[in-house]
Protein backbone atom coordinates (compact mmCIF):
# COMPACT_ATOMS: atom_id res chain seq x y z
CA MET A 1 0.00 0.00 0.00
CA LEU A 2 1.36 3.45 -0.94
CA THR A 3 0.68 4.98 2.49
CA GLU A 4 3.10 2.46 4.03
CA ALA A 5 5.79 2.84 1.33
CA LYS A 6 8.82 5.06 1.79
CA VAL A 7 8.27 7.94 -0.65
CA ALA A 8 10.85 10.47 -1.85
CA LEU A 9 9.93 13.77 -3.47
CA VAL A 10 12.41 14.75 -6.17
CA HIS A 11 12.49 18.14 -7.92
CA ASP A 12 15.02 19.57 -10.38
CA TRP A 13 15.74 22.87 -8.60
CA LEU A 14 13.99 25.09 -6.09
CA THR A 15 14.63 28.65 -7.20
CA GLY A 16 11.09 30.07 -7.43
CA MET A 17 7.38 29.17 -7.36
CA ARG A 18 6.20 28.17 -10.82
CA GLY A 19 4.01 25.29 -12.02
CA GLY A 20 6.33 22.44 -11.05
CA GLU A 21 6.84 23.87 -7.58
CA ARG A 22 3.07 24.15 -7.11
CA CYS A 23 2.80 20.42 -7.95
CA LEU A 24 5.60 19.71 -5.47
CA GLU A 25 3.73 21.75 -2.84
CA ALA A 26 0.68 19.50 -3.37
CA PHE A 27 2.88 16.38 -3.09
CA CYS A 28 4.27 17.76 0.21
CA GLY A 29 0.72 17.85 1.53
CA LEU A 30 -0.03 14.32 0.32
CA PHE A 31 3.20 12.83 1.66
CA PRO A 32 4.13 14.74 4.83
CA ARG A 33 6.90 12.28 5.82
CA ALA A 34 8.52 12.05 2.37
CA ASP A 35 12.16 13.06 1.97
CA LEU A 36 12.78 15.97 -0.46
CA PHE A 37 15.77 15.93 -2.84
CA THR A 38 16.81 18.63 -5.32
CA LEU A 39 19.90 19.73 -7.20
CA LEU A 40 19.69 23.37 -6.02
CA HIS A 41 17.72 25.36 -3.45
CA ARG A 42 17.60 29.13 -3.05
CA GLU A 43 16.41 29.59 0.51
CA GLY A 44 13.20 31.63 0.71
CA SER A 45 12.33 31.18 -2.97
CA VAL A 46 9.52 28.64 -2.54
CA SER A 47 6.38 28.29 -0.43
CA LYS A 48 6.35 27.73 3.32
CA ALA A 49 5.09 24.15 2.81
CA ILE A 50 8.25 23.34 0.83
CA GLU A 51 10.68 25.47 2.90
CA GLU A 52 9.60 23.69 6.10
CA ARG A 53 10.92 20.39 4.74
CA GLN A 54 14.42 19.12 5.27
CA ILE A 55 15.67 19.84 1.76
CA ARG A 56 18.60 17.72 0.61
CA THR A 57 20.63 19.29 -2.18
CA SER A 58 23.36 17.94 -4.44
CA ALA A 59 27.02 18.91 -4.65
CA ILE A 60 26.01 21.44 -7.33
CA GLN A 61 24.58 23.58 -4.52
CA ARG A 62 28.09 24.12 -3.19
CA LEU A 63 29.73 25.12 -6.49
CA PRO A 64 30.95 28.73 -6.67
CA LEU A 65 28.66 29.71 -9.56
CA PRO A 66 27.21 33.18 -10.04
CA PRO A 67 23.38 33.37 -9.65
CA PRO A 68 22.53 33.44 -13.41
CA ALA A 69 24.38 30.14 -13.92
CA ILE A 70 22.45 28.37 -11.16
CA GLY A 71 19.45 26.54 -12.53
CA THR A 72 20.44 26.75 -16.20
CA THR A 73 22.44 23.54 -16.62
CA CYS A 74 22.04 20.59 -14.32
CA PRO A 75 23.17 17.03 -15.04
CA SER A 76 20.90 14.17 -14.13
CA SER A 77 21.81 12.37 -10.95
CA ARG A 78 21.11 9.08 -9.28
CA GLY A 79 17.90 9.19 -7.27
CA PRO A 80 17.36 8.50 -3.58
CA SER A 81 16.80 5.06 -2.12
CA SER A 82 13.04 4.70 -1.71
CA ASP A 83 10.07 2.61 -2.77
CA SER A 84 8.62 5.47 -4.84
CA SER A 85 9.86 8.79 -6.17
CA LEU A 86 7.50 11.54 -7.25
CA THR A 87 8.49 14.48 -9.41
CA GLY A 88 6.45 17.40 -10.68
CA THR A 89 8.79 18.06 -13.59
CA ILE A 90 9.16 16.27 -16.92
């Protein structure tokens, strides 16, 4: 049953509230215990429902890139260990 499965929420980057982030916000409500993984996160750029999560970012977050470069090119990465992963981006 899905309610008993370990679910991970995966999103490309969290740098503003657009359509994909609104889907993620809905997923946060549906799966309150799900882990949240993203390549990049600009603190304060998304809704309170998302910001309240423990957001796990990739090594890309720690690169010394200027702001315009962040969120423009991101390689795919291996996903988290979970029974299910949900993403609002295609």
